[in-house]
Amino acid sequence: MKTISNLIALITFIAAVYLIYINYGQEIPFNLLGTEYAIDMAIIMLSFFILGDAFSFFINVSRNIDNENKIKAYKRELEKNSVECSSNYSKVDVLEAKIKVLEKALEDALNR
């Protein structure tokens, strides 16, 4: 899955670079406060590409933080369950020892 994701990212990057290259030199005029300006299409496309990358980066960072918090909570739950499990095993060991003592006492009482 990671290989496919990396391949798609590489293809998208190459396509963006190609589009920026073929649109270099084409200016888009616009009017701002009564003044006529012209901006290169390649600069507009590059800025959208950079903004998209920044947006996806921050989305992934927030998801990674959420996943790390979930993993920490899961580890705490596992530790809690393992402590309960080990305490149950120790209780079983104590009960087995008591049963052995009672069986020995029963045998001694029957032999008398």
PDB file of N, CA and C in Angstrom:
ATOM      1  N   MET A   1       0.826  -1.190   0.000  1.00  0.00           N
ATOM      2  CA  MET A   1       0.000   0.000   0.000  1.00  0.00           C
ATOM      3  C   MET A   1       0.874   1.258   0.000  1.00  0.00           C
ATOM      4  N   LYS A   2       1.964   1.219   0.752  1.00  0.00           N
ATOM      5  CA  LYS A   2       2.842   2.379   0.817  1.00  0.00           C
ATOM      6  C   LYS A   2       3.508   2.613  -0.530  1.00  0.00           C
ATOM      7  N   THR A   3       3.852   1.544  -1.239  1.00  0.00           N
ATOM      8  CA  THR A   3       4.481   1.669  -2.543  1.00  0.00           C
ATOM      9  C   THR A   3       3.522   2.314  -3.542  1.00  0.00           C
ATOM     10  N   ILE A   4       2.264   1.896  -3.507  1.00  0.00           N
ATOM     11  CA  ILE A   4       1.257   2.478  -4.400  1.00  0.00           C
ATOM     12  C   ILE A   4       1.059   3.955  -4.075  1.00  0.00           C
ATOM     13  N   SER A   5       1.014   4.273  -2.801  1.00  0.00           N
ATOM     14  CA  SER A   5       0.845   5.664  -2.385  1.00  0.00           C
ATOM     15  C   SER A   5       2.025   6.515  -2.852  1.00  0.00           C
ATOM     16  N   ASN A   6       3.240   5.991  -2.705  1.00  0.00           N
ATOM     17  CA  ASN A   6       4.421   6.727  -3.159  1.00  0.00           C
ATOM     18  C   ASN A   6       4.421   6.894  -4.673  1.00  0.00           C
ATOM     19  N   LEU A   7       3.982   5.881  -5.397  1.00  0.00           N
ATOM     20  CA  LEU A   7       3.910   5.960  -6.853  1.00  0.00           C
ATOM     21  C   LEU A   7       2.899   7.015  -7.300  1.00  0.00           C
ATOM     22  N   ILE A   8       1.743   7.050  -6.655  1.00  0.00           N
ATOM     23  CA  ILE A   8       0.730   8.062  -6.980  1.00  0.00           C
ATOM     24  C   ILE A   8       1.253   9.463  -6.667  1.00  0.00           C
ATOM     25  N   ALA A   9       1.957   9.615  -5.564  1.00  0.00           N
ATOM     26  CA  ALA A   9       2.522  10.915  -5.199  1.00  0.00           C
ATOM     27  C   ALA A   9       3.562  11.353  -6.231  1.00  0.00           C
ATOM     28  N   LEU A  10       4.387  10.437  -6.692  1.00  0.00           N
ATOM     29  CA  LEU A  10       5.398  10.767  -7.687  1.00  0.00           C
ATOM     30  C   LEU A  10       4.753  11.171  -9.012  1.00  0.00           C
ATOM     31  N   ILE A  11       3.736  10.431  -9.442  1.00  0.00           N
ATOM     32  CA  ILE A  11       3.038  10.763 -10.690  1.00  0.00           C
ATOM     33  C   ILE A  11       2.361  12.130 -10.580  1.00  0.00           C
ATOM     34  N   THR A  12       1.751  12.409  -9.443  1.00  0.00           N
ATOM     35  CA  THR A  12       1.108  13.707  -9.228  1.00  0.00           C
ATOM     36  C   THR A  12       2.130  14.840  -9.255  1.00  0.00           C
ATOM     37  N   PHE A  13       3.268  14.616  -8.642  1.00  0.00           N
ATOM     38  CA  PHE A  13       4.320  15.631  -8.623  1.00  0.00           C
ATOM     39  C   PHE A  13       4.831  15.900 -10.035  1.00  0.00           C
ATOM     40  N   ILE A  14       5.082  14.838 -10.802  1.00  0.00           N
ATOM     41  CA  ILE A  14       5.571  15.008 -12.178  1.00  0.00           C
ATOM     42  C   ILE A  14       4.531  15.734 -13.024  1.00  0.00           C
ATOM     43  N   ALA A  15       3.252  15.395 -12.852  1.00  0.00           N
ATOM     44  CA  ALA A  15       2.191  16.076 -13.602  1.00  0.00           C
ATOM     45  C   ALA A  15       2.130  17.551 -13.240  1.00  0.00           C
ATOM     46  N   ALA A  16       2.269  17.872 -11.970  1.00  0.00           N
ATOM     47  CA  ALA A  16       2.227  19.270 -11.544  1.00  0.00           C
ATOM     48  C   ALA A  16       3.408  20.049 -12.115  1.00  0.00           C
ATOM     49  N   VAL A  17       4.581  19.444 -12.084  1.00  0.00           N
ATOM     50  CA  VAL A  17       5.764  20.115 -12.636  1.00  0.00           C
ATOM     51  C   VAL A  17       5.586  20.337 -14.142  1.00  0.00           C
ATOM     52  N   TYR A  18       5.043  19.349 -14.827  1.00  0.00           N
ATOM     53  CA  TYR A  18       4.818  19.487 -16.270  1.00  0.00           C
ATOM     54  C   TYR A  18       3.812  20.603 -16.564  1.00  0.00           C
ATOM     55  N   LEU A  19       2.710  20.642 -15.812  1.00  0.00           N
ATOM     56  CA  LEU A  19       1.721  21.701 -16.021  1.00  0.00           C
ATOM     57  C   LEU A  19       2.303  23.082 -15.732  1.00  0.00           C
ATOM     58  N   ILE A  20       3.111  23.171 -14.709  1.00  0.00           N
ATOM     59  CA  ILE A  20       3.746  24.452 -14.393  1.00  0.00           C
ATOM     60  C   ILE A  20       4.689  24.851 -15.524  1.00  0.00           C
ATOM     61  N   TYR A  21       5.423  23.895 -16.057  1.00  0.00           N
ATOM     62  CA  TYR A  21       6.379  24.170 -17.138  1.00  0.00           C
ATOM     63  C   TYR A  21       5.668  24.649 -18.410  1.00  0.00           C
ATOM     64  N   ILE A  22       4.573  23.955 -18.794  1.00  0.00           N
ATOM     65  CA  ILE A  22       3.920  24.344 -20.050  1.00  0.00           C
ATOM     66  C   ILE A  22       3.133  25.652 -19.916  1.00  0.00           C
ATOM     67  N   ASN A  23       2.792  26.054 -18.719  1.00  0.00           N
ATOM     68  CA  ASN A  23       2.060  27.298 -18.522  1.00  0.00           C
ATOM     69  C   ASN A  23       2.953  28.469 -18.139  1.00  0.00           C
ATOM     70  N   TYR A  24       4.265  28.243 -18.125  1.00  0.00           N
ATOM     71  CA  TYR A  24       5.192  29.324 -17.796  1.00  0.00           C
ATOM     72  C   TYR A  24       5.161  30.356 -18.923  1.00  0.00           C
ATOM     73  N   GLY A  25       5.000  31.585 -18.563  1.00  0.00           N
ATOM     74  CA  GLY A  25       4.967  32.655 -19.551  1.00  0.00           C
ATOM     75  C   GLY A  25       3.560  33.123 -19.886  1.00  0.00           C
ATOM     76  N   GLN A  26       2.550  32.370 -19.529  1.00  0.00           N
ATOM     77  CA  GLN A  26       1.171  32.801 -19.764  1.00  0.00           C
ATOM     78  C   GLN A  26       0.721  33.627 -18.568  1.00  0.00           C
ATOM     79  N   GLU A  27       0.350  34.847 -18.862  1.00  0.00           N
ATOM     80  CA  GLU A  27      -0.053  35.744 -17.781  1.00  0.00           C
ATOM     81  C   GLU A  27      -1.564  35.868 -17.726  1.00  0.00           C
ATOM     82  N   ILE A  28      -2.071  35.971 -16.515  1.00  0.00           N
ATOM     83  CA  ILE A  28      -3.504  36.151 -16.288  1.00  0.00           C
ATOM     84  C   ILE A  28      -3.696  37.561 -15.730  1.00  0.00           C
ATOM     85  N   PRO A  29      -4.412  38.407 -16.467  1.00  0.00           N
ATOM     86  CA  PRO A  29      -4.641  39.771 -15.974  1.00  0.00           C
ATOM     87  C   PRO A  29      -5.792  39.807 -14.959  1.00  0.00           C
ATOM     88  N   PHE A  30      -5.650  40.682 -13.992  1.00  0.00           N
ATOM     89  CA  PHE A  30      -6.744  40.898 -13.041  1.00  0.00           C
ATOM     90  C   PHE A  30      -6.688  42.338 -12.555  1.00  0.00           C
ATOM     91  N   ASN A  31      -7.812  42.793 -12.079  1.00  0.00           N
ATOM     92  CA  ASN A  31      -7.967  44.179 -11.662  1.00  0.00           C
ATOM     93  C   ASN A  31      -8.098  44.210 -10.145  1.00  0.00           C
ATOM     94  N   LEU A  32      -7.257  44.988  -9.488  1.00  0.00           N
ATOM     95  CA  LEU A  32      -7.294  45.118  -8.033  1.00  0.00           C
ATOM     96  C   LEU A  32      -7.289  46.596  -7.675  1.00  0.00           C
ATOM     97  N   LEU A  33      -8.394  47.047  -7.127  1.00  0.00           N
ATOM     98  CA  LEU A  33      -8.558  48.439  -6.710  1.00  0.00           C
ATOM     99  C   LEU A  33      -8.289  49.415  -7.854  1.00  0.00           C
ATOM    100  N   GLY A  34      -8.777  49.070  -9.031  1.00  0.00           N
ATOM    101  CA  GLY A  34      -8.660  49.973 -10.174  1.00  0.00           C
ATOM    102  C   GLY A  34      -7.333  49.882 -10.898  1.00  0.00           C
ATOM    103  N   THR A  35      -6.441  49.054 -10.431  1.00  0.00           N
ATOM    104  CA  THR A  35      -5.142  48.911 -11.079  1.00  0.00           C
ATOM    105  C   THR A  35      -5.077  47.545 -11.746  1.00  0.00           C
ATOM    106  N   GLU A  36      -4.580  47.535 -12.980  1.00  0.00           N
ATOM    107  CA  GLU A  36      -4.473  46.297 -13.753  1.00  0.00           C
ATOM    108  C   GLU A  36      -3.148  45.598 -13.412  1.00  0.00           C
ATOM    109  N   TYR A  37      -3.251  44.328 -13.016  1.00  0.00           N
ATOM    110  CA  TYR A  37      -2.074  43.517 -12.722  1.00  0.00           C
ATOM    111  C   TYR A  37      -2.100  42.274 -13.589  1.00  0.00           C
ATOM    112  N   ALA A  38      -0.950  41.661 -13.753  1.00  0.00           N
ATOM    113  CA  ALA A  38      -0.872  40.385 -14.465  1.00  0.00           C
ATOM    114  C   ALA A  38       0.052  39.467 -13.675  1.00  0.00           C
ATOM    115  N   ILE A  39      -0.392  38.245 -13.486  1.00  0.00           N
ATOM    116  CA  ILE A  39       0.422  37.283 -12.740  1.00  0.00           C
ATOM    117  C   ILE A  39       0.608  36.036 -13.606  1.00  0.00           C
ATOM    118  N   ASP A  40       1.765  35.462 -13.515  1.00  0.00           N
ATOM    119  CA  ASP A  40       2.090  34.299 -14.329  1.00  0.00           C
ATOM    120  C   ASP A  40       1.285  33.081 -13.869  1.00  0.00           C
ATOM    121  N   MET A  41       0.762  32.327 -14.810  1.00  0.00           N
ATOM    122  CA  MET A  41      -0.043  31.132 -14.507  1.00  0.00           C
ATOM    123  C   MET A  41       0.782  30.096 -13.749  1.00  0.00           C
ATOM    124  N   ALA A  42       2.065  29.992 -14.057  1.00  0.00           N
ATOM    125  CA  ALA A  42       2.928  29.025 -13.389  1.00  0.00           C
ATOM    126  C   ALA A  42       3.048  29.337 -11.896  1.00  0.00           C
ATOM    127  N   ILE A  43       3.086  30.616 -11.565  1.00  0.00           N
ATOM    128  CA  ILE A  43       3.181  31.010 -10.148  1.00  0.00           C
ATOM    129  C   ILE A  43       1.888  30.647  -9.420  1.00  0.00           C
ATOM    130  N   ILE A  44       0.752  30.847 -10.067  1.00  0.00           N
ATOM    131  CA  ILE A  44      -0.526  30.485  -9.454  1.00  0.00           C
ATOM    132  C   ILE A  44      -0.592  28.979  -9.213  1.00  0.00           C
ATOM    133  N   MET A  45      -0.206  28.209 -10.227  1.00  0.00           N
ATOM    134  CA  MET A  45      -0.248  26.743 -10.092  1.00  0.00           C
ATOM    135  C   MET A  45       0.732  26.257  -9.027  1.00  0.00           C
ATOM    136  N   LEU A  46       1.923  26.858  -8.989  1.00  0.00           N
ATOM    137  CA  LEU A  46       2.911  26.464  -7.983  1.00  0.00           C
ATOM    138  C   LEU A  46       2.410  26.788  -6.578  1.00  0.00           C
ATOM    139  N   SER A  47       1.772  27.943  -6.409  1.00  0.00           N
ATOM    140  CA  SER A  47       1.268  28.298  -5.079  1.00  0.00           C
ATOM    141  C   SER A  47       0.147  27.357  -4.652  1.00  0.00           C
ATOM    142  N   PHE A  48      -0.756  26.971  -5.590  1.00  0.00           N
ATOM    143  CA  PHE A  48      -1.800  26.001  -5.240  1.00  0.00           C
ATOM    144  C   PHE A  48      -1.199  24.642  -4.894  1.00  0.00           C
ATOM    145  N   PHE A  49      -0.176  24.244  -5.603  1.00  0.00           N
ATOM    146  CA  PHE A  49       0.490  22.967  -5.331  1.00  0.00           C
ATOM    147  C   PHE A  49       1.122  22.978  -3.933  1.00  0.00           C
ATOM    148  N   ILE A  50       1.803  24.060  -3.610  1.00  0.00           N
ATOM    149  CA  ILE A  50       2.445  24.166  -2.296  1.00  0.00           C
ATOM    150  C   ILE A  50       1.397  24.215  -1.181  1.00  0.00           C
ATOM    151  N   LEU A  51       0.314  24.971  -1.395  1.00  0.00           N
ATOM    152  CA  LEU A  51      -0.743  25.044  -0.384  1.00  0.00           C
ATOM    153  C   LEU A  51      -1.411  23.679  -0.186  1.00  0.00           C
ATOM    154  N   GLY A  52      -1.620  22.943  -1.267  1.00  0.00           N
ATOM    155  CA  GLY A  52      -2.198  21.598  -1.163  1.00  0.00           C
ATOM    156  C   GLY A  52      -1.293  20.650  -0.398  1.00  0.00           C
ATOM    157  N   ASP A  53       0.011  20.733  -0.664  1.00  0.00           N
ATOM    158  CA  ASP A  53       0.958  19.890   0.068  1.00  0.00           C
ATOM    159  C   ASP A  53       0.984  20.237   1.552  1.00  0.00           C
ATOM    160  N   ALA A  54       0.961  21.531   1.856  1.00  0.00           N
ATOM    161  CA  ALA A  54       0.960  21.947   3.261  1.00  0.00           C
ATOM    162  C   ALA A  54      -0.308  21.472   3.959  1.00  0.00           C
ATOM    163  N   PHE A  55      -1.445  21.601   3.291  1.00  0.00           N
ATOM    164  CA  PHE A  55      -2.707  21.159   3.866  1.00  0.00           C
ATOM    165  C   PHE A  55      -2.688  19.661   4.151  1.00  0.00           C
ATOM    166  N   SER A  56      -2.240  18.877   3.170  1.00  0.00           N
ATOM    167  CA  SER A  56      -2.203  17.420   3.375  1.00  0.00           C
ATOM    168  C   SER A  56      -1.197  17.040   4.453  1.00  0.00           C
ATOM    169  N   PHE A  57      -0.089  17.772   4.551  1.00  0.00           N
ATOM    170  CA  PHE A  57       0.893  17.506   5.604  1.00  0.00           C
ATOM    171  C   PHE A  57       0.268  17.698   6.984  1.00  0.00           C
ATOM    172  N   PHE A  58      -0.437  18.810   7.178  1.00  0.00           N
ATOM    173  CA  PHE A  58      -1.024  19.078   8.490  1.00  0.00           C
ATOM    174  C   PHE A  58      -2.170  18.123   8.812  1.00  0.00           C
ATOM    175  N   ILE A  59      -2.918  17.693   7.815  1.00  0.00           N
ATOM    176  CA  ILE A  59      -3.960  16.686   8.039  1.00  0.00           C
ATOM    177  C   ILE A  59      -3.316  15.385   8.506  1.00  0.00           C
ATOM    178  N   ASN A  60      -2.223  14.985   7.846  1.00  0.00           N
ATOM    179  CA  ASN A  60      -1.549  13.740   8.229  1.00  0.00           C
ATOM    180  C   ASN A  60      -0.914  13.841   9.611  1.00  0.00           C
ATOM    181  N   VAL A  61      -0.388  15.002   9.962  1.00  0.00           N
ATOM    182  CA  VAL A  61       0.188  15.183  11.300  1.00  0.00           C
ATOM    183  C   VAL A  61      -0.888  15.016  12.361  1.00  0.00           C
ATOM    184  N   SER A  62      -2.055  15.611  12.135  1.00  0.00           N
ATOM    185  CA  SER A  62      -3.132  15.489  13.133  1.00  0.00           C
ATOM    186  C   SER A  62      -3.606  14.041  13.233  1.00  0.00           C
ATOM    187  N   ARG A  63      -3.674  13.333  12.110  1.00  0.00           N
ATOM    188  CA  ARG A  63      -4.071  11.921  12.161  1.00  0.00           C
ATOM    189  C   ARG A  63      -3.028  11.083  12.888  1.00  0.00           C
ATOM    190  N   ASN A  64      -1.744  11.383  12.669  1.00  0.00           N
ATOM    191  CA  ASN A  64      -0.696  10.639  13.363  1.00  0.00           C
ATOM    192  C   ASN A  64      -0.757  10.876  14.866  1.00  0.00           C
ATOM    193  N   ILE A  65      -1.044  12.095  15.275  1.00  0.00           N
ATOM    194  CA  ILE A  65      -1.165  12.392  16.701  1.00  0.00           C
ATOM    195  C   ILE A  65      -2.336  11.609  17.300  1.00  0.00           C
ATOM    196  N   ASP A  66      -3.466  11.583  16.591  1.00  0.00           N
ATOM    197  CA  ASP A  66      -4.620  10.811  17.064  1.00  0.00           C
ATOM    198  C   ASP A  66      -4.286   9.330  17.164  1.00  0.00           C
ATOM    199  N   ASN A  67      -3.588   8.798  16.158  1.00  0.00           N
ATOM    200  CA  ASN A  67      -3.221   7.380  16.186  1.00  0.00           C
ATOM    201  C   ASN A  67      -2.254   7.073  17.324  1.00  0.00           C
ATOM    202  N   GLU A  68      -1.306   7.973  17.585  1.00  0.00           N
ATOM    203  CA  GLU A  68      -0.383   7.763  18.697  1.00  0.00           C
ATOM    204  C   GLU A  68      -1.130   7.750  20.031  1.00  0.00           C
ATOM    205  N   ASN A  69      -2.099   8.636  20.187  1.00  0.00           N
ATOM    206  CA  ASN A  69      -2.890   8.656  21.421  1.00  0.00           C
ATOM    207  C   ASN A  69      -3.688   7.369  21.575  1.00  0.00           C
ATOM    208  N   LYS A  70      -4.250   6.866  20.473  1.00  0.00           N
ATOM    209  CA  LYS A  70      -4.993   5.613  20.535  1.00  0.00           C
ATOM    210  C   LYS A  70      -4.077   4.447  20.889  1.00  0.00           C
ATOM    211  N   ILE A  71      -2.866   4.442  20.335  1.00  0.00           N
ATOM    212  CA  ILE A  71      -1.904   3.371  20.634  1.00  0.00           C
ATOM    213  C   ILE A  71      -1.502   3.420  22.105  1.00  0.00           C
ATOM    214  N   LYS A  72      -1.280   4.618  22.637  1.00  0.00           N
ATOM    215  CA  LYS A  72      -0.929   4.746  24.055  1.00  0.00           C
ATOM    216  C   LYS A  72      -2.057   4.238  24.948  1.00  0.00           C
ATOM    217  N   ALA A  73      -3.288   4.582  24.605  1.00  0.00           N
ATOM    218  CA  ALA A  73      -4.435   4.111  25.387  1.00  0.00           C
ATOM    219  C   ALA A  73      -4.551   2.597  25.309  1.00  0.00           C
ATOM    220  N   TYR A  74      -4.321   2.034  24.143  1.00  0.00           N
ATOM    221  CA  TYR A  74      -4.371   0.574  23.970  1.00  0.00           C
ATOM    222  C   TYR A  74      -3.283  -0.106  24.791  1.00  0.00           C
ATOM    223  N   LYS A  75      -2.073   0.484  24.811  1.00  0.00           N
ATOM    224  CA  LYS A  75      -0.980  -0.085  25.617  1.00  0.00           C
ATOM    225  C   LYS A  75      -1.320  -0.047  27.099  1.00  0.00           C
ATOM    226  N   ARG A  76      -1.915   1.061  27.555  1.00  0.00           N
ATOM    227  CA  ARG A  76      -2.314   1.143  28.965  1.00  0.00           C
ATOM    228  C   ARG A  76      -3.345   0.073  29.292  1.00  0.00           C
ATOM    229  N   GLU A  77      -4.292  -0.144  28.378  1.00  0.00           N
ATOM    230  CA  GLU A  77      -5.311  -1.177  28.582  1.00  0.00           C
ATOM    231  C   GLU A  77      -4.682  -2.564  28.635  1.00  0.00           C
ATOM    232  N   LEU A  78      -3.716  -2.806  27.756  1.00  0.00           N
ATOM    233  CA  LEU A  78      -3.022  -4.105  27.767  1.00  0.00           C
ATOM    234  C   LEU A  78      -2.254  -4.313  29.071  1.00  0.00           C
ATOM    235  N   GLU A  79      -1.578  -3.262  29.541  1.00  0.00           N
ATOM    236  CA  GLU A  79      -0.852  -3.371  30.805  1.00  0.00           C
ATOM    237  C   GLU A  79      -1.814  -3.645  31.959  1.00  0.00           C
ATOM    238  N   LYS A  80      -2.943  -2.977  31.961  1.00  0.00           N
ATOM    239  CA  LYS A  80      -3.939  -3.179  33.008  1.00  0.00           C
ATOM    240  C   LYS A  80      -4.448  -4.617  32.982  1.00  0.00           C
ATOM    241  N   ASN A  81      -4.753  -5.117  31.775  1.00  0.00           N
ATOM    242  CA  ASN A  81      -5.235  -6.492  31.656  1.00  0.00           C
ATOM    243  C   ASN A  81      -4.174  -7.508  32.037  1.00  0.00           C
ATOM    244  N   SER A  82      -2.906  -7.227  31.722  1.00  0.00           N
ATOM    245  CA  SER A  82      -1.850  -8.167  32.079  1.00  0.00           C
ATOM    246  C   SER A  82      -1.639  -8.207  33.591  1.00  0.00           C
ATOM    247  N   VAL A  83      -1.801  -7.040  34.259  1.00  0.00           N
ATOM    248  CA  VAL A  83      -1.681  -7.012  35.726  1.00  0.00           C
ATOM    249  C   VAL A  83      -2.824  -7.813  36.342  1.00  0.00           C
ATOM    250  N   GLU A  84      -4.041  -7.639  35.825  1.00  0.00           N
ATOM    251  CA  GLU A  84      -5.181  -8.398  36.338  1.00  0.00           C
ATOM    252  C   GLU A  84      -4.986  -9.882  36.087  1.00  0.00           C
ATOM    253  N   CYS A  85      -4.452 -10.219  34.938  1.00  0.00           N
ATOM    254  CA  CYS A  85      -4.224 -11.618  34.585  1.00  0.00           C
ATOM    255  C   CYS A  85      -3.176 -12.227  35.502  1.00  0.00           C
ATOM    256  N   SER A  86      -2.086 -11.496  35.760  1.00  0.00           N
ATOM    257  CA  SER A  86      -1.045 -12.039  36.637  1.00  0.00           C
ATOM    258  C   SER A  86      -1.559 -12.173  38.067  1.00  0.00           C
ATOM    259  N   SER A  87      -2.424 -11.235  38.499  1.00  0.00           N
ATOM    260  CA  SER A  87      -2.980 -11.365  39.850  1.00  0.00           C
ATOM    261  C   SER A  87      -3.925 -12.565  39.912  1.00  0.00           C
ATOM    262  N   ASN A  88      -4.655 -12.831  38.815  1.00  0.00           N
ATOM    263  CA  ASN A  88      -5.515 -14.025  38.781  1.00  0.00           C
ATOM    264  C   ASN A  88      -4.678 -15.299  38.840  1.00  0.00           C
ATOM    265  N   TYR A  89      -3.545 -15.307  38.128  1.00  0.00           N
ATOM    266  CA  TYR A  89      -2.668 -16.480  38.176  1.00  0.00           C
ATOM    267  C   TYR A  89      -2.106 -16.698  39.568  1.00  0.00           C
ATOM    268  N   SER A  90      -1.754 -15.608  40.260  1.00  0.00           N
ATOM    269  CA  SER A  90      -1.227 -15.766  41.612  1.00  0.00           C
ATOM    270  C   SER A  90      -2.313 -16.268  42.558  1.00  0.00           C
ATOM    271  N   LYS A  91      -3.565 -15.825  42.344  1.00  0.00           N
ATOM    272  CA  LYS A  91      -4.672 -16.330  43.168  1.00  0.00           C
ATOM    273  C   LYS A  91      -4.874 -17.819  42.932  1.00  0.00           C
ATOM    274  N   VAL A  92      -4.764 -18.253  41.681  1.00  0.00           N
ATOM    275  CA  VAL A  92      -4.906 -19.675  41.364  1.00  0.00           C
ATOM    276  C   VAL A  92      -3.793 -20.474  42.032  1.00  0.00           C
ATOM    277  N   ASP A  93      -2.565 -19.968  41.993  1.00  0.00           N
ATOM    278  CA  ASP A  93      -1.449 -20.654  42.640  1.00  0.00           C
ATOM    279  C   ASP A  93      -1.680 -20.802  44.142  1.00  0.00           C
ATOM    280  N   VAL A  94      -2.176 -19.736  44.772  1.00  0.00           N
ATOM    281  CA  VAL A  94      -2.455 -19.784  46.215  1.00  0.00           C
ATOM    282  C   VAL A  94      -3.545 -20.817  46.505  1.00  0.00           C
ATOM    283  N   LEU A  95      -4.597 -20.839  45.691  1.00  0.00           N
ATOM    284  CA  LEU A  95      -5.674 -21.811  45.899  1.00  0.00           C
ATOM    285  C   LEU A  95      -5.182 -23.241  45.688  1.00  0.00           C
ATOM    286  N   GLU A  96      -4.324 -23.463  44.689  1.00  0.00           N
ATOM    287  CA  GLU A  96      -3.776 -24.798  44.466  1.00  0.00           C
ATOM    288  C   GLU A  96      -2.936 -25.246  45.659  1.00  0.00           C
ATOM    289  N   ALA A  97      -2.161 -24.309  46.221  1.00  0.00           N
ATOM    290  CA  ALA A  97      -1.362 -24.649  47.399  1.00  0.00           C
ATOM    291  C   ALA A  97      -2.268 -25.006  48.576  1.00  0.00           C
ATOM    292  N   LYS A  98      -3.355 -24.270  48.761  1.00  0.00           N
ATOM    293  CA  LYS A  98      -4.292 -24.570  49.842  1.00  0.00           C
ATOM    294  C   LYS A  98      -4.948 -25.931  49.631  1.00  0.00           C
ATOM    295  N   ILE A  99      -5.299 -26.247  48.396  1.00  0.00           N
ATOM    296  CA  ILE A  99      -5.905 -27.556  48.108  1.00  0.00           C
ATOM    297  C   ILE A  99      -4.932 -28.673  48.434  1.00  0.00           C
ATOM    298  N   LYS A 100      -3.673 -28.491  48.085  1.00  0.00           N
ATOM    299  CA  LYS A 100      -2.662 -29.519  48.387  1.00  0.00           C
ATOM    300  C   LYS A 100      -2.526 -29.717  49.898  1.00  0.00           C
ATOM    301  N   VAL A 101      -2.535 -28.615  50.638  1.00  0.00           N
ATOM    302  CA  VAL A 101      -2.437 -28.708  52.092  1.00  0.00           C
ATOM    303  C   VAL A 101      -3.651 -29.442  52.654  1.00  0.00           C
ATOM    304  N   LEU A 102      -4.840 -29.109  52.170  1.00  0.00           N
ATOM    305  CA  LEU A 102      -6.060 -29.773  52.651  1.00  0.00           C
ATOM    306  C   LEU A 102      -6.079 -31.248  52.263  1.00  0.00           C
ATOM    307  N   GLU A 103      -5.614 -31.592  51.067  1.00  0.00           N
ATOM    308  CA  GLU A 103      -5.547 -32.999  50.665  1.00  0.00           C
ATOM    309  C   GLU A 103      -4.586 -33.771  51.565  1.00  0.00           C
ATOM    310  N   LYS A 104      -3.452 -33.155  51.868  1.00  0.00           N
ATOM    311  CA  LYS A 104      -2.465 -33.796  52.759  1.00  0.00           C
ATOM    312  C   LYS A 104      -3.062 -33.985  54.152  1.00  0.00           C
ATOM    313  N   ALA A 105      -3.784 -32.957  54.634  1.00  0.00           N
ATOM    314  CA  ALA A 105      -4.402 -33.070  55.961  1.00  0.00           C
ATOM    315  C   ALA A 105      -5.492 -34.151  55.960  1.00  0.00           C
ATOM    316  N   LEU A 106      -6.248 -34.254  54.865  1.00  0.00           N
ATOM    317  CA  LEU A 106      -7.273 -35.283  54.746  1.00  0.00           C
ATOM    318  C   LEU A 106      -6.651 -36.682  54.747  1.00  0.00           C
ATOM    319  N   GLU A 107      -5.569 -36.862  54.006  1.00  0.00           N
ATOM    320  CA  GLU A 107      -4.878 -38.159  53.977  1.00  0.00           C
ATOM    321  C   GLU A 107      -4.355 -38.523  55.385  1.00  0.00           C
ATOM    322  N   ASP A 108      -3.776 -37.547  56.037  1.00  0.00           N
ATOM    323  CA  ASP A 108      -3.264 -37.810  57.399  1.00  0.00           C
ATOM    324  C   ASP A 108      -4.414 -38.185  58.343  1.00  0.00           C
ATOM    325  N   ALA A 109      -5.553 -37.479  58.197  1.00  0.00           N
ATOM    326  CA  ALA A 109      -6.691 -37.766  59.074  1.00  0.00           C
ATOM    327  C   ALA A 109      -7.273 -39.146  58.756  1.00  0.00           C
ATOM    328  N   LEU A 110      -7.306 -39.534  57.511  1.00  0.00           N
ATOM    329  CA  LEU A 110      -7.820 -40.854  57.156  1.00  0.00           C
ATOM    330  C   LEU A 110      -6.900 -41.980  57.577  1.00  0.00           C
ATOM    331  N   ASN A 111      -5.630 -41.733  57.595  1.00  0.00           N
ATOM    332  CA  ASN A 111      -4.648 -42.754  57.993  1.00  0.00           C
ATOM    333  C   ASN A 111      -4.653 -42.996  59.485  1.00  0.00           C
ATOM    334  N   ARG A 112      -5.178 -42.140  60.271  1.00  0.00           N
ATOM    335  CA  ARG A 112      -5.176 -42.320  61.712  1.00  0.00           C
ATOM    336  C   ARG A 112      -6.273 -43.179  62.111  1.00  0.00           C
TER     337      ARG A 112
END
